[in-house]
Amino acid sequence: MNLIQGSWRKCSSCKKDIGFNAKYYECSVSTCTGQRTGYVFCSVPCWEVHLPGAKHRDAGAIEKKSPATASADQAPKRIIINGNSAPTISQAAGKSSMSNEVLVVVSKMKQYIKDLSEMNTSEDVNQMLSDKIRLECEKAIEKARADGRKTVMARDFK
């Protein structure tokens, strides 16, 4: 746990430890500082990383100072245990109602190929691309789970 190792929290972008009595940054938008999100950043560049995904119209990084010491009311409210209790992707395979559905917007994909190459697109490409998307989603889910998150983020696809 972070508190034992002398850090207050981890940066929401780079996951670097933010120590006690240390400078950190919060987003000025209330949805980023709420109890459920509680984003904190170790630097302004880390704060800037979250902006494209957050889609804020007008936001700023607010400099703050972390608490000087750990206290009981700062203990984590939710602990995610990374054990065998959650089904793995292979166990969950086939359980989704979307297992055989096409996950791409076919008309847009066909238009994209047409615009780039003046070629038509075979109907079986739709299912093949959907299968590739499913596979990449499964990998991203595993990365998010390994990080102890319940949210799949863009960085999980890298």
N, C-alpha and C. Protein backbone atom coordinates (compact mmCIF):
# COMPACT_ATOMS: atom_id res chain seq x y z
N MET A 1 0.85 -1.18 0.00
CA MET A 1 0.00 0.00 0.00
C MET A 1 0.89 1.23 0.00
N ASN A 2 0.47 2.29 -0.66
CA ASN A 2 1.26 3.51 -0.81
C ASN A 2 1.65 4.14 0.52
N LEU A 3 0.76 4.15 1.48
CA LEU A 3 0.99 4.87 2.73
C LEU A 3 2.18 4.32 3.49
N ILE A 4 2.39 3.05 3.41
CA ILE A 4 3.50 2.42 4.12
C ILE A 4 4.82 2.84 3.50
N GLN A 5 4.87 2.99 2.20
CA GLN A 5 6.10 3.31 1.50
C GLN A 5 6.43 4.79 1.52
N GLY A 6 5.66 5.60 2.20
CA GLY A 6 5.96 7.01 2.31
C GLY A 6 5.43 7.86 1.18
N SER A 7 4.51 7.35 0.42
CA SER A 7 3.91 8.18 -0.62
C SER A 7 2.44 8.41 -0.30
N TRP A 8 1.96 9.56 -0.74
CA TRP A 8 0.59 9.94 -0.47
C TRP A 8 -0.35 9.27 -1.46
N ARG A 9 -0.10 9.49 -2.75
CA ARG A 9 -0.90 8.88 -3.82
C ARG A 9 -0.01 8.72 -5.04
N LYS A 10 -0.57 8.14 -6.09
CA LYS A 10 0.14 8.00 -7.35
C LYS A 10 -0.43 8.98 -8.36
N CYS A 11 0.42 9.47 -9.25
CA CYS A 11 0.00 10.35 -10.34
C CYS A 11 -1.01 9.60 -11.21
N SER A 12 -2.08 10.25 -11.57
CA SER A 12 -3.13 9.61 -12.37
C SER A 12 -2.69 9.34 -13.80
N SER A 13 -1.63 10.00 -14.27
CA SER A 13 -1.15 9.77 -15.63
C SER A 13 0.03 8.80 -15.68
N CYS A 14 1.12 9.16 -15.00
CA CYS A 14 2.35 8.36 -15.13
C CYS A 14 2.52 7.34 -14.02
N LYS A 15 1.66 7.38 -13.00
CA LYS A 15 1.67 6.44 -11.86
C LYS A 15 2.90 6.60 -10.95
N LYS A 16 3.62 7.73 -11.08
CA LYS A 16 4.74 8.01 -10.19
C LYS A 16 4.20 8.38 -8.82
N ASP A 17 4.91 7.99 -7.76
CA ASP A 17 4.48 8.30 -6.40
C ASP A 17 4.52 9.81 -6.15
N ILE A 18 3.49 10.31 -5.46
CA ILE A 18 3.47 11.69 -4.97
C ILE A 18 3.60 11.57 -3.46
N GLY A 19 4.67 12.10 -2.93
CA GLY A 19 4.95 11.95 -1.51
C GLY A 19 4.12 12.86 -0.63
N PHE A 20 4.28 12.69 0.68
CA PHE A 20 3.64 13.57 1.64
C PHE A 20 4.33 14.92 1.61
N ASN A 21 3.56 15.98 1.87
CA ASN A 21 4.07 17.35 1.91
C ASN A 21 4.76 17.71 0.59
N ALA A 22 4.23 17.22 -0.53
CA ALA A 22 4.82 17.46 -1.84
C ALA A 22 3.84 18.24 -2.72
N LYS A 23 4.38 18.93 -3.68
CA LYS A 23 3.57 19.69 -4.63
C LYS A 23 2.94 18.71 -5.62
N TYR A 24 1.66 18.94 -5.94
CA TYR A 24 0.97 18.16 -6.96
C TYR A 24 -0.03 19.07 -7.64
N TYR A 25 -0.70 18.58 -8.68
CA TYR A 25 -1.64 19.38 -9.45
C TYR A 25 -2.98 18.66 -9.56
N GLU A 26 -4.04 19.46 -9.54
CA GLU A 26 -5.39 18.95 -9.77
C GLU A 26 -5.97 19.70 -10.95
N CYS A 27 -6.91 19.07 -11.62
CA CYS A 27 -7.62 19.72 -12.72
C CYS A 27 -8.65 20.67 -12.12
N SER A 28 -8.85 21.80 -12.75
CA SER A 28 -9.81 22.78 -12.24
C SER A 28 -11.26 22.38 -12.48
N VAL A 29 -11.50 21.36 -13.29
CA VAL A 29 -12.85 20.92 -13.60
C VAL A 29 -13.34 19.98 -12.48
N SER A 30 -14.53 20.26 -11.98
CA SER A 30 -15.04 19.54 -10.80
C SER A 30 -15.19 18.04 -11.02
N THR A 31 -15.49 17.60 -12.22
CA THR A 31 -15.65 16.17 -12.45
C THR A 31 -14.33 15.42 -12.31
N CYS A 32 -13.23 16.10 -12.44
CA CYS A 32 -11.91 15.46 -12.29
C CYS A 32 -11.46 15.41 -10.83
N THR A 33 -12.03 16.23 -9.99
CA THR A 33 -11.61 16.28 -8.59
C THR A 33 -12.65 15.65 -7.67
N GLY A 34 -13.69 15.08 -8.22
CA GLY A 34 -14.76 14.48 -7.43
C GLY A 34 -14.27 13.27 -6.65
N GLN A 35 -15.13 12.77 -5.79
CA GLN A 35 -14.77 11.64 -4.94
C GLN A 35 -14.51 10.38 -5.75
N ARG A 36 -15.27 10.18 -6.83
CA ARG A 36 -15.10 8.96 -7.63
C ARG A 36 -13.84 9.02 -8.49
N THR A 37 -13.50 10.19 -9.00
CA THR A 37 -12.33 10.28 -9.87
C THR A 37 -11.09 10.67 -9.08
N GLY A 38 -11.09 11.83 -8.47
CA GLY A 38 -9.98 12.27 -7.63
C GLY A 38 -8.63 12.27 -8.32
N TYR A 39 -8.59 12.74 -9.56
CA TYR A 39 -7.33 12.76 -10.29
C TYR A 39 -6.33 13.71 -9.63
N VAL A 40 -5.09 13.25 -9.53
CA VAL A 40 -3.98 14.08 -9.07
C VAL A 40 -2.81 13.83 -10.02
N PHE A 41 -2.01 14.86 -10.23
CA PHE A 41 -0.92 14.77 -11.20
C PHE A 41 0.37 15.29 -10.58
N CYS A 42 1.47 14.64 -10.91
CA CYS A 42 2.76 15.02 -10.34
C CYS A 42 3.35 16.24 -11.03
N SER A 43 2.90 16.55 -12.23
CA SER A 43 3.44 17.69 -12.98
C SER A 43 2.39 18.22 -13.95
N VAL A 44 2.64 19.40 -14.48
CA VAL A 44 1.72 19.98 -15.46
C VAL A 44 1.68 19.14 -16.74
N PRO A 45 2.83 18.62 -17.24
CA PRO A 45 2.74 17.75 -18.42
C PRO A 45 1.87 16.51 -18.18
N CYS A 46 1.91 15.94 -16.99
CA CYS A 46 1.03 14.80 -16.69
C CYS A 46 -0.43 15.23 -16.69
N TRP A 47 -0.70 16.43 -16.18
CA TRP A 47 -2.07 16.96 -16.20
C TRP A 47 -2.52 17.14 -17.65
N GLU A 48 -1.63 17.64 -18.51
CA GLU A 48 -1.98 17.88 -19.91
C GLU A 48 -2.31 16.58 -20.64
N VAL A 49 -1.72 15.47 -20.21
CA VAL A 49 -1.99 14.18 -20.85
C VAL A 49 -3.46 13.79 -20.74
N HIS A 50 -4.12 14.17 -19.65
CA HIS A 50 -5.51 13.74 -19.46
C HIS A 50 -6.50 14.62 -20.22
N LEU A 51 -6.07 15.77 -20.71
CA LEU A 51 -6.99 16.71 -21.37
C LEU A 51 -7.69 16.15 -22.62
N PRO A 52 -6.98 15.50 -23.54
CA PRO A 52 -7.70 15.01 -24.74
C PRO A 52 -8.83 14.04 -24.40
N GLY A 53 -8.61 13.16 -23.46
CA GLY A 53 -9.65 12.20 -23.08
C GLY A 53 -10.76 12.83 -22.26
N ALA A 54 -10.43 13.87 -21.51
CA ALA A 54 -11.42 14.51 -20.65
C ALA A 54 -12.35 15.45 -21.42
N LYS A 55 -11.89 15.95 -22.55
CA LYS A 55 -12.68 16.83 -23.41
C LYS A 55 -13.22 18.06 -22.67
N HIS A 56 -12.36 18.70 -21.90
CA HIS A 56 -12.75 19.93 -21.21
C HIS A 56 -12.76 21.10 -22.19
N ARG A 57 -13.70 22.01 -22.00
CA ARG A 57 -13.72 23.22 -22.82
C ARG A 57 -12.70 24.23 -22.30
N ASP A 58 -12.66 24.37 -20.98
CA ASP A 58 -11.76 25.34 -20.37
C ASP A 58 -11.29 24.75 -19.04
N ALA A 59 -10.00 24.46 -18.95
CA ALA A 59 -9.48 23.83 -17.74
C ALA A 59 -8.11 24.39 -17.40
N GLY A 60 -7.74 24.23 -16.16
CA GLY A 60 -6.43 24.66 -15.70
C GLY A 60 -5.89 23.68 -14.69
N ALA A 61 -4.58 23.71 -14.50
CA ALA A 61 -3.93 22.88 -13.48
C ALA A 61 -3.77 23.73 -12.23
N ILE A 62 -4.30 23.24 -11.12
CA ILE A 62 -4.22 23.96 -9.85
C ILE A 62 -3.13 23.31 -9.01
N GLU A 63 -2.14 24.12 -8.62
CA GLU A 63 -1.06 23.60 -7.79
C GLU A 63 -1.53 23.48 -6.35
N LYS A 64 -1.25 22.32 -5.74
CA LYS A 64 -1.64 22.06 -4.35
C LYS A 64 -0.50 21.36 -3.65
N LYS A 65 -0.65 21.19 -2.34
CA LYS A 65 0.35 20.49 -1.54
C LYS A 65 -0.31 19.30 -0.86
N SER A 66 0.32 18.15 -0.93
CA SER A 66 -0.23 16.96 -0.30
C SER A 66 -0.13 17.08 1.21
N PRO A 67 -0.92 16.26 1.94
CA PRO A 67 -0.87 16.31 3.41
C PRO A 67 0.54 16.00 3.93
N ALA A 68 0.83 16.52 5.10
CA ALA A 68 2.15 16.32 5.69
C ALA A 68 2.34 14.89 6.18
N THR A 69 1.27 14.27 6.67
CA THR A 69 1.36 12.90 7.18
C THR A 69 0.11 12.13 6.81
N ALA A 70 0.19 10.81 6.95
CA ALA A 70 -0.97 9.96 6.69
C ALA A 70 -1.90 10.03 7.88
N SER A 71 -3.18 10.01 7.61
CA SER A 71 -4.17 9.95 8.68
C SER A 71 -5.23 8.93 8.31
N ALA A 72 -6.03 8.52 9.27
CA ALA A 72 -7.02 7.47 9.05
C ALA A 72 -8.04 7.84 8.00
N ASP A 73 -8.42 9.12 7.92
CA ASP A 73 -9.44 9.51 6.94
C ASP A 73 -8.90 9.60 5.52
N GLN A 74 -7.59 9.44 5.35
CA GLN A 74 -7.01 9.45 4.01
C GLN A 74 -6.76 8.05 3.48
N ALA A 75 -7.12 7.06 4.24
CA ALA A 75 -6.93 5.68 3.80
C ALA A 75 -7.80 5.41 2.58
N PRO A 76 -7.36 4.54 1.69
CA PRO A 76 -8.15 4.27 0.50
C PRO A 76 -9.54 3.74 0.86
N LYS A 77 -10.54 4.19 0.13
CA LYS A 77 -11.92 3.79 0.37
C LYS A 77 -12.26 2.49 -0.34
N ARG A 78 -11.54 2.20 -1.44
CA ARG A 78 -11.85 1.01 -2.22
C ARG A 78 -10.54 0.30 -2.55
N ILE A 79 -10.50 -0.97 -2.31
CA ILE A 79 -9.32 -1.76 -2.62
C ILE A 79 -9.73 -2.80 -3.65
N ILE A 80 -9.01 -2.83 -4.75
CA ILE A 80 -9.29 -3.80 -5.80
C ILE A 80 -8.27 -4.91 -5.66
N ILE A 81 -8.74 -6.11 -5.44
CA ILE A 81 -7.85 -7.25 -5.29
C ILE A 81 -7.71 -7.92 -6.64
N ASN A 82 -6.48 -8.10 -7.04
CA ASN A 82 -6.20 -8.70 -8.34
C ASN A 82 -6.02 -10.19 -8.17
N GLY A 83 -7.11 -10.90 -8.00
CA GLY A 83 -7.02 -12.34 -7.76
C GLY A 83 -7.81 -13.14 -8.76
N ASN A 84 -8.12 -14.36 -8.42
CA ASN A 84 -8.86 -15.25 -9.32
C ASN A 84 -10.36 -15.03 -9.25
N SER A 85 -10.82 -14.09 -8.43
CA SER A 85 -12.26 -13.89 -8.28
C SER A 85 -12.89 -13.33 -9.55
N ALA A 86 -12.15 -12.49 -10.28
CA ALA A 86 -12.69 -11.93 -11.51
C ALA A 86 -12.46 -12.91 -12.65
N PRO A 87 -13.44 -13.10 -13.51
CA PRO A 87 -13.25 -14.03 -14.61
C PRO A 87 -12.20 -13.50 -15.59
N THR A 88 -11.42 -14.39 -16.14
CA THR A 88 -10.44 -13.98 -17.14
C THR A 88 -11.17 -13.79 -18.46
N ILE A 89 -10.48 -13.20 -19.40
CA ILE A 89 -11.09 -12.95 -20.71
C ILE A 89 -11.49 -14.28 -21.36
N SER A 90 -10.64 -15.29 -21.25
CA SER A 90 -10.98 -16.57 -21.87
C SER A 90 -12.20 -17.20 -21.22
N GLN A 91 -12.38 -16.98 -19.90
CA GLN A 91 -13.57 -17.50 -19.22
C GLN A 91 -14.82 -16.73 -19.66
N ALA A 92 -14.64 -15.45 -19.91
CA ALA A 92 -15.78 -14.61 -20.26
C ALA A 92 -16.10 -14.66 -21.75
N ALA A 93 -15.22 -15.24 -22.55
CA ALA A 93 -15.43 -15.28 -23.99
C ALA A 93 -16.75 -15.95 -24.32
N GLY A 94 -17.48 -15.35 -25.21
CA GLY A 94 -18.76 -15.91 -25.60
C GLY A 94 -19.90 -15.45 -24.71
N LYS A 95 -19.62 -14.81 -23.59
CA LYS A 95 -20.67 -14.38 -22.69
C LYS A 95 -21.27 -13.04 -23.12
N SER A 96 -20.58 -12.30 -23.96
CA SER A 96 -21.07 -11.01 -24.41
C SER A 96 -22.12 -11.20 -25.51
N SER A 97 -23.12 -10.36 -25.46
CA SER A 97 -24.12 -10.39 -26.53
C SER A 97 -23.52 -9.87 -27.83
N MET A 98 -22.32 -9.29 -27.74
CA MET A 98 -21.66 -8.71 -28.90
C MET A 98 -20.61 -9.66 -29.51
N SER A 99 -20.58 -10.91 -29.06
CA SER A 99 -19.55 -11.85 -29.50
C SER A 99 -19.50 -12.06 -31.00
N ASN A 100 -20.65 -12.00 -31.66
CA ASN A 100 -20.67 -12.22 -33.10
C ASN A 100 -21.15 -11.00 -33.88
N GLU A 101 -21.28 -9.89 -33.20
CA GLU A 101 -21.76 -8.66 -33.86
C GLU A 101 -20.61 -7.96 -34.58
N VAL A 102 -20.95 -7.19 -35.60
CA VAL A 102 -19.98 -6.36 -36.29
C VAL A 102 -19.77 -5.11 -35.45
N LEU A 103 -18.50 -4.82 -35.11
CA LEU A 103 -18.18 -3.71 -34.23
C LEU A 103 -17.68 -2.47 -34.95
N VAL A 104 -17.69 -2.50 -36.26
CA VAL A 104 -17.23 -1.34 -37.02
C VAL A 104 -18.41 -0.72 -37.75
N VAL A 105 -18.30 0.54 -38.05
CA VAL A 105 -19.31 1.20 -38.87
C VAL A 105 -18.93 0.88 -40.31
N VAL A 106 -19.64 -0.07 -40.88
CA VAL A 106 -19.28 -0.64 -42.16
C VAL A 106 -19.25 0.42 -43.25
N SER A 107 -20.22 1.28 -43.30
CA SER A 107 -20.27 2.29 -44.37
C SER A 107 -19.06 3.22 -44.30
N LYS A 108 -18.65 3.59 -43.10
CA LYS A 108 -17.49 4.49 -42.95
C LYS A 108 -16.20 3.77 -43.32
N MET A 109 -16.08 2.51 -42.92
CA MET A 109 -14.88 1.74 -43.25
C MET A 109 -14.78 1.54 -44.76
N LYS A 110 -15.89 1.21 -45.40
CA LYS A 110 -15.88 1.03 -46.85
C LYS A 110 -15.54 2.33 -47.57
N GLN A 111 -16.09 3.43 -47.07
CA GLN A 111 -15.81 4.74 -47.69
C GLN A 111 -14.34 5.11 -47.52
N TYR A 112 -13.77 4.81 -46.38
CA TYR A 112 -12.36 5.09 -46.12
C TYR A 112 -11.47 4.32 -47.11
N ILE A 113 -11.75 3.05 -47.28
CA ILE A 113 -10.97 2.24 -48.21
C ILE A 113 -11.15 2.75 -49.64
N LYS A 114 -12.39 3.11 -49.97
CA LYS A 114 -12.67 3.63 -51.31
C LYS A 114 -11.92 4.93 -51.57
N ASP A 115 -11.92 5.84 -50.56
CA ASP A 115 -11.24 7.12 -50.71
C ASP A 115 -9.72 6.96 -50.87
N LEU A 116 -9.15 6.00 -50.15
CA LEU A 116 -7.71 5.80 -50.21
C LEU A 116 -7.25 5.06 -51.47
N SER A 117 -8.08 4.13 -51.95
CA SER A 117 -7.57 3.23 -52.97
C SER A 117 -8.46 3.04 -54.19
N GLU A 118 -9.67 3.63 -54.15
CA GLU A 118 -10.64 3.39 -55.24
C GLU A 118 -11.01 1.91 -55.33
N MET A 119 -10.89 1.18 -54.22
CA MET A 119 -11.23 -0.25 -54.21
C MET A 119 -12.53 -0.47 -53.46
N ASN A 120 -13.20 -1.57 -53.81
CA ASN A 120 -14.37 -2.00 -53.06
C ASN A 120 -13.92 -2.87 -51.90
N THR A 121 -14.85 -3.13 -50.98
CA THR A 121 -14.52 -3.93 -49.79
C THR A 121 -15.43 -5.14 -49.72
N SER A 122 -14.83 -6.29 -49.54
CA SER A 122 -15.56 -7.54 -49.41
C SER A 122 -16.34 -7.55 -48.10
N GLU A 123 -17.46 -8.25 -48.07
CA GLU A 123 -18.32 -8.32 -46.89
C GLU A 123 -17.65 -9.02 -45.71
N ASP A 124 -16.75 -9.97 -45.99
CA ASP A 124 -16.10 -10.70 -44.89
C ASP A 124 -15.08 -9.86 -44.12
N VAL A 125 -14.71 -8.69 -44.64
CA VAL A 125 -13.79 -7.80 -43.94
C VAL A 125 -14.44 -7.29 -42.64
N ASN A 126 -15.74 -7.08 -42.65
CA ASN A 126 -16.44 -6.56 -41.48
C ASN A 126 -16.22 -7.45 -40.25
N GLN A 127 -16.42 -8.75 -40.43
CA GLN A 127 -16.27 -9.69 -39.31
C GLN A 127 -14.81 -9.83 -38.91
N MET A 128 -13.91 -9.82 -39.90
CA MET A 128 -12.48 -9.95 -39.60
C MET A 128 -12.00 -8.75 -38.76
N LEU A 129 -12.40 -7.55 -39.14
CA LEU A 129 -12.01 -6.36 -38.35
C LEU A 129 -12.64 -6.39 -36.96
N SER A 130 -13.86 -6.83 -36.87
CA SER A 130 -14.53 -6.92 -35.57
C SER A 130 -13.79 -7.90 -34.66
N ASP A 131 -13.32 -9.01 -35.22
CA ASP A 131 -12.56 -9.98 -34.42
C ASP A 131 -11.26 -9.37 -33.92
N LYS A 132 -10.60 -8.59 -34.77
CA LYS A 132 -9.36 -7.91 -34.36
C LYS A 132 -9.65 -6.89 -33.25
N ILE A 133 -10.75 -6.18 -33.36
CA ILE A 133 -11.13 -5.21 -32.33
C ILE A 133 -11.40 -5.93 -31.01
N ARG A 134 -12.11 -7.05 -31.06
CA ARG A 134 -12.38 -7.82 -29.85
C ARG A 134 -11.08 -8.26 -29.17
N LEU A 135 -10.14 -8.75 -29.96
CA LEU A 135 -8.86 -9.20 -29.43
C LEU A 135 -8.11 -8.06 -28.75
N GLU A 136 -8.06 -6.90 -29.40
CA GLU A 136 -7.37 -5.74 -28.83
C GLU A 136 -8.08 -5.27 -27.56
N CYS A 137 -9.40 -5.32 -27.54
CA CYS A 137 -10.16 -4.95 -26.34
C CYS A 137 -9.85 -5.90 -25.19
N GLU A 138 -9.76 -7.18 -25.48
CA GLU A 138 -9.44 -8.15 -24.45
C GLU A 138 -8.06 -7.90 -23.85
N LYS A 139 -7.08 -7.56 -24.70
CA LYS A 139 -5.74 -7.24 -24.21
C LYS A 139 -5.77 -5.99 -23.33
N ALA A 140 -6.53 -4.98 -23.75
CA ALA A 140 -6.63 -3.73 -22.99
C ALA A 140 -7.30 -3.97 -21.64
N ILE A 141 -8.31 -4.82 -21.62
CA ILE A 141 -8.99 -5.15 -20.37
C ILE A 141 -8.02 -5.79 -19.39
N GLU A 142 -7.20 -6.69 -19.89
CA GLU A 142 -6.21 -7.36 -19.02
C GLU A 142 -5.19 -6.36 -18.47
N LYS A 143 -4.76 -5.39 -19.30
CA LYS A 143 -3.82 -4.37 -18.83
C LYS A 143 -4.45 -3.51 -17.73
N ALA A 144 -5.70 -3.10 -17.95
CA ALA A 144 -6.40 -2.29 -16.94
C ALA A 144 -6.56 -3.08 -15.65
N ARG A 145 -6.92 -4.34 -15.77
CA ARG A 145 -7.10 -5.19 -14.59
C ARG A 145 -5.77 -5.36 -13.85
N ALA A 146 -4.67 -5.52 -14.59
CA ALA A 146 -3.36 -5.67 -13.97
C ALA A 146 -2.95 -4.40 -13.22
N ASP A 147 -3.42 -3.24 -13.69
CA ASP A 147 -3.14 -1.96 -13.02
C ASP A 147 -4.11 -1.71 -11.87
N GLY A 148 -5.07 -2.62 -11.66
CA GLY A 148 -6.03 -2.47 -10.57
C GLY A 148 -7.13 -1.46 -10.88
N ARG A 149 -7.37 -1.22 -12.17
CA ARG A 149 -8.42 -0.27 -12.55
C ARG A 149 -9.65 -1.00 -13.04
N LYS A 150 -10.78 -0.31 -12.97
CA LYS A 150 -12.02 -0.82 -13.53
C LYS A 150 -12.43 -0.02 -14.75
N THR A 151 -11.49 0.74 -15.28
CA THR A 151 -11.74 1.55 -16.47
C THR A 151 -10.66 1.26 -17.49
N VAL A 152 -11.06 0.90 -18.70
CA VAL A 152 -10.11 0.71 -19.80
C VAL A 152 -9.82 2.08 -20.38
N MET A 153 -8.55 2.38 -20.52
CA MET A 153 -8.12 3.70 -21.02
C MET A 153 -7.34 3.54 -22.31
N ALA A 154 -7.14 4.64 -23.01
CA ALA A 154 -6.41 4.61 -24.29
C ALA A 154 -5.03 4.01 -24.13
N ARG A 155 -4.37 4.28 -23.01
CA ARG A 155 -3.01 3.76 -22.80
C ARG A 155 -2.99 2.23 -22.73
N ASP A 156 -4.12 1.60 -22.46
CA ASP A 156 -4.18 0.15 -22.40
C ASP A 156 -4.09 -0.50 -23.77
N PHE A 157 -4.29 0.29 -24.83
CA PHE A 157 -4.22 -0.23 -26.17
C PHE A 157 -2.83 -0.09 -26.78
N LYS A 158 -1.89 0.51 -26.04
CA LYS A 158 -0.53 0.73 -26.58
C LYS A 158 0.33 -0.46 -26.33
